[in-house]
């Protein structure tokens, strides 16, 4: 991994935009590979960065959200999260805002647990993952007019087991954020989650 790569990036010699709105921009690049091959067009989706939060509410429980996702035409369960707005100072600000808007819960502390590419092949954005180890309800939801979100509290070990068995299917970015968060909890480096770590290890051991 530390060895210098022998692979060179493509050279972009031109681009054009065929669509733009507040959510995304569709860019079509004309590229030339290191071997001299033309790639035209190569379509790239420019998105704002995304954030996901594993919010813990006490004991061994966490928050999940259930909502309709039109891309697959199904009601899908996932982590609270969403898109960074232009008004968000940084990903942490966006994480706090999205958690509060979608669930009515406020994060006392917010711990970063990793960053990943949404889809490095065609997307420009990153996904920022956080743990809220002490989320508490402070109000109601504040949803967009097209949003209809049901908040559910579940046993974290049970949720992980359901994902493993395939009875709970998450979006890939949510799955990655859940894995990053649980992995960090299991290392024992997340303040205030010592009891959760023990319960998680016990719960997963019993199921596996």
Protein backbone atom coordinates (compact mmCIF):
# COMPACT_ATOMS: atom_id res chain seq x y z
CA UNK A 1 0.00 0.00 0.00
CA UNK A 2 2.90 2.39 0.67
CA UNK A 3 4.66 1.60 -2.59
CA UNK A 4 4.43 4.35 -5.19
CA UNK A 5 1.82 3.45 -7.76
CA UNK A 6 2.88 2.84 -11.34
CA UNK A 7 -0.62 3.70 -12.54
CA UNK A 8 -1.12 7.17 -14.00
CA UNK A 9 -4.42 9.09 -14.08
CA UNK A 10 -6.30 9.89 -17.24
CA UNK A 11 -5.80 13.33 -18.76
CA UNK A 12 -8.95 15.41 -19.14
CA UNK A 13 -8.87 17.42 -22.37
CA UNK A 14 -12.40 18.77 -22.24
CA UNK A 15 -15.76 18.54 -20.53
CA UNK A 16 -19.35 19.70 -20.80
CA UNK A 17 -22.36 19.83 -18.48
CA UNK A 18 -25.70 18.50 -19.70
CA UNK A 19 -27.64 18.89 -16.45
CA UNK A 20 -27.37 20.94 -13.24
CA UNK A 21 -29.64 21.46 -10.26
CA UNK A 22 -29.35 21.92 -6.48
CA UNK A 23 -28.66 18.20 -5.96
CA UNK A 24 -26.23 17.19 -8.69
CA UNK A 25 -24.44 18.09 -11.89
CA UNK A 26 -23.91 15.68 -14.79
CA UNK A 27 -20.49 16.25 -16.35
CA UNK A 28 -19.28 14.50 -19.48
CA UNK A 29 -15.49 14.41 -19.82
CA UNK A 30 -13.31 13.76 -22.81
CA UNK A 31 -10.26 11.90 -21.51
CA UNK A 32 -7.05 10.40 -22.83
CA UNK A 33 -5.58 7.36 -21.08
CA UNK A 34 -1.80 7.05 -20.43
CA UNK A 35 -1.76 4.62 -23.37
CA UNK A 36 -3.21 7.31 -25.64
CA UNK A 37 -6.73 5.94 -25.94
CA UNK A 38 -9.59 8.45 -26.20
CA UNK A 39 -12.46 8.01 -23.73
CA UNK A 40 -15.33 10.22 -24.80
CA UNK A 41 -17.73 10.65 -23.16
CA UNK A 42 -17.05 9.54 -19.59
CA UNK A 43 -20.00 10.63 -17.45
CA UNK A 44 -19.34 11.93 -13.92
CA UNK A 45 -21.94 12.79 -11.29
CA UNK A 46 -20.98 15.74 -9.10
CA UNK A 47 -22.74 15.46 -5.73
CA UNK A 48 -22.35 17.28 -2.43
CA UNK A 49 -20.70 15.16 0.26
CA UNK A 50 -22.96 12.83 2.21
CA UNK A 51 -23.01 12.06 5.93
CA UNK A 52 -24.35 9.13 8.01
CA UNK A 53 -24.75 8.88 11.79
CA UNK A 54 -24.95 5.84 14.07
CA UNK A 55 -26.92 7.43 16.93
CA UNK A 56 -26.95 5.53 20.23
CA UNK A 57 -29.81 6.17 22.64
CA UNK A 58 -28.81 4.21 25.75
CA UNK A 59 -28.31 0.58 26.56
CA UNK A 60 -27.57 -1.31 23.39
CA UNK A 61 -30.00 0.62 21.22
CA UNK A 62 -29.54 2.78 18.15
CA UNK A 63 -31.70 4.83 15.80
CA UNK A 64 -32.64 3.72 12.31
CA UNK A 65 -34.90 5.50 9.85
CA UNK A 66 -37.42 3.94 7.48
CA UNK A 67 -38.37 5.85 4.31
CA UNK A 68 -39.38 5.40 0.68
CA UNK A 69 -36.46 5.42 -1.77
CA UNK A 70 -37.65 6.02 -5.32
CA UNK A 71 -34.48 4.70 -6.99
CA UNK A 72 -35.39 1.14 -5.99
CA UNK A 73 -39.09 1.86 -5.48
CA UNK A 74 -39.07 0.40 -1.97
CA UNK A 75 -39.35 1.35 1.70
CA UNK A 76 -35.73 1.16 2.90
CA UNK A 77 -34.21 1.17 6.39
CA UNK A 78 -30.98 3.07 7.00
CA UNK A 79 -29.01 5.35 9.26
CA UNK A 80 -29.98 8.98 9.82
CA UNK A 81 -28.06 11.09 7.35
CA UNK A 82 -28.16 13.05 4.17
CA UNK A 83 -26.47 15.66 2.05
CA UNK A 84 -24.21 18.48 3.19
CA UNK A 85 -25.81 21.85 2.50
CA UNK A 86 -23.95 24.91 1.31
CA UNK A 87 -24.75 26.48 4.71
CA UNK A 88 -23.05 23.65 6.65
CA UNK A 89 -19.66 24.77 7.96
CA UNK A 90 -18.27 21.23 7.90
CA UNK A 91 -19.40 17.56 7.84
CA UNK A 92 -19.93 17.51 11.62
CA UNK A 93 -22.34 20.44 11.36
CA UNK A 94 -24.22 18.59 8.63
CA UNK A 95 -24.33 15.42 10.73
CA UNK A 96 -25.83 17.26 13.71
CA UNK A 97 -28.38 19.00 11.49
CA UNK A 98 -29.47 15.85 9.65
CA UNK A 99 -29.79 13.82 12.86
CA UNK A 100 -31.99 16.48 14.45
CA UNK A 101 -34.11 17.08 11.34
CA UNK A 102 -34.75 13.41 10.58
CA UNK A 103 -35.20 12.05 14.10
CA UNK A 104 -35.72 14.90 16.59
CA UNK A 105 -32.65 13.65 18.49
CA UNK A 106 -29.64 15.80 19.35
CA UNK A 107 -26.09 14.50 19.53
CA UNK A 108 -24.27 15.55 22.71
CA UNK A 109 -20.93 14.45 21.31
CA UNK A 110 -20.16 13.40 17.77
CA UNK A 111 -17.22 11.14 16.96
CA UNK A 112 -15.87 10.75 13.41
CA UNK A 113 -15.29 7.12 12.48
CA UNK A 114 -14.17 7.27 8.87
CA UNK A 115 -14.49 8.69 5.40
CA UNK A 116 -15.10 6.81 2.17
CA UNK A 117 -15.82 7.47 -1.49
CA UNK A 118 -19.49 7.18 -2.43
CA UNK A 119 -18.58 5.61 -5.78
CA UNK A 120 -15.08 6.45 -6.96
CA UNK A 121 -15.78 5.30 -10.51
CA UNK A 122 -18.43 7.92 -11.35
CA UNK A 123 -19.17 10.10 -8.27
CA UNK A 124 -17.09 13.01 -7.02
CA UNK A 125 -18.29 13.04 -3.42
CA UNK A 126 -17.25 11.46 -0.13
CA UNK A 127 -19.26 9.93 2.69
CA UNK A 128 -18.51 11.02 6.27
CA UNK A 129 -19.45 8.58 9.04
CA UNK A 130 -20.08 9.52 12.68
CA UNK A 131 -21.08 7.98 16.01
CA UNK A 132 -23.37 9.91 18.34
CA UNK A 133 -22.84 7.94 21.60
CA UNK A 134 -25.29 9.99 23.66
CA UNK A 135 -28.17 11.02 21.41
CA UNK A 136 -31.27 12.31 23.23
CA UNK A 137 -34.67 13.35 21.97
CA UNK A 138 -35.01 17.13 22.14
CA UNK A 139 -37.96 17.77 19.83
CA UNK A 140 -39.84 16.62 16.78
CA UNK A 141 -38.76 15.98 13.23
CA UNK A 142 -38.24 18.82 10.75
CA UNK A 143 -38.72 17.16 7.37
CA UNK A 144 -38.74 18.45 3.81
CA UNK A 145 -42.14 18.46 2.14
CA UNK A 146 -41.29 15.32 0.13
CA UNK A 147 -39.92 13.39 3.14
CA UNK A 148 -41.87 10.87 5.19
CA UNK A 149 -39.52 9.24 7.72
CA UNK A 150 -40.34 6.75 10.46
CA UNK A 151 -37.81 6.61 13.31
CA UNK A 152 -37.22 3.24 14.96
CA UNK A 153 -35.05 2.26 17.93
CA UNK A 154 -33.46 -1.17 17.66
CA UNK A 155 -30.95 -3.34 19.47
CA UNK A 156 -27.61 -2.67 17.78
CA UNK A 157 -26.37 -6.27 17.96
CA UNK A 158 -29.68 -7.45 16.51
CA UNK A 159 -29.41 -4.96 13.65
CA UNK A 160 -25.87 -6.11 12.83
CA UNK A 161 -27.01 -9.74 12.90
CA UNK A 162 -29.94 -9.00 10.59
CA UNK A 163 -27.57 -7.29 8.15
CA UNK A 164 -25.29 -10.34 8.27
CA UNK A 165 -28.20 -12.69 7.57
CA UNK A 166 -29.50 -10.52 4.75
CA UNK A 167 -32.86 -9.79 6.38
CA UNK A 168 -31.97 -6.12 6.74
CA UNK A 169 -30.69 -4.64 3.48
CA UNK A 170 -29.00 -1.24 3.73
CA UNK A 171 -27.69 1.12 1.09
CA UNK A 172 -24.00 0.42 0.54
CA UNK A 173 -22.86 3.72 2.05
CA UNK A 174 -24.99 3.09 5.16
CA UNK A 175 -23.62 -0.42 5.43
CA UNK A 176 -20.08 0.95 5.29
CA UNK A 177 -20.85 3.61 7.92
CA UNK A 178 -22.40 0.99 10.22
CA UNK A 179 -19.33 -1.24 9.83
CA UNK A 180 -16.96 1.65 10.56
CA UNK A 181 -18.92 2.70 13.63
CA UNK A 182 -19.29 -0.80 15.09
CA UNK A 183 -15.61 -1.53 14.43
CA UNK A 184 -14.61 1.61 16.32
CA UNK A 185 -16.90 0.76 19.24
CA UNK A 186 -15.39 -2.71 19.45
CA UNK A 187 -11.87 -1.27 19.69
CA UNK A 188 -12.88 0.33 23.00
CA UNK A 189 -11.81 3.81 21.87
CA UNK A 190 -15.24 5.48 21.92
CA UNK A 191 -15.81 7.24 25.28
CA UNK A 192 -19.01 6.29 27.03
CA UNK A 193 -19.58 3.05 25.12
CA UNK A 194 -17.79 0.60 27.40
CA UNK A 195 -21.03 -1.12 28.45
CA UNK A 196 -22.25 -1.11 24.87
CA UNK A 197 -19.01 -2.73 23.71
CA UNK A 198 -19.44 -5.53 26.24
CA UNK A 199 -23.11 -6.00 25.34
CA UNK A 200 -22.30 -5.94 21.64
CA UNK A 201 -19.58 -8.57 22.02
CA UNK A 202 -21.89 -10.74 24.11
CA UNK A 203 -24.80 -10.29 21.75
CA UNK A 204 -22.82 -11.02 18.61
CA UNK A 205 -21.09 -14.00 20.21
CA UNK A 206 -24.44 -15.49 21.16
CA UNK A 207 -25.78 -15.04 17.64
CA UNK A 208 -22.64 -16.21 15.80
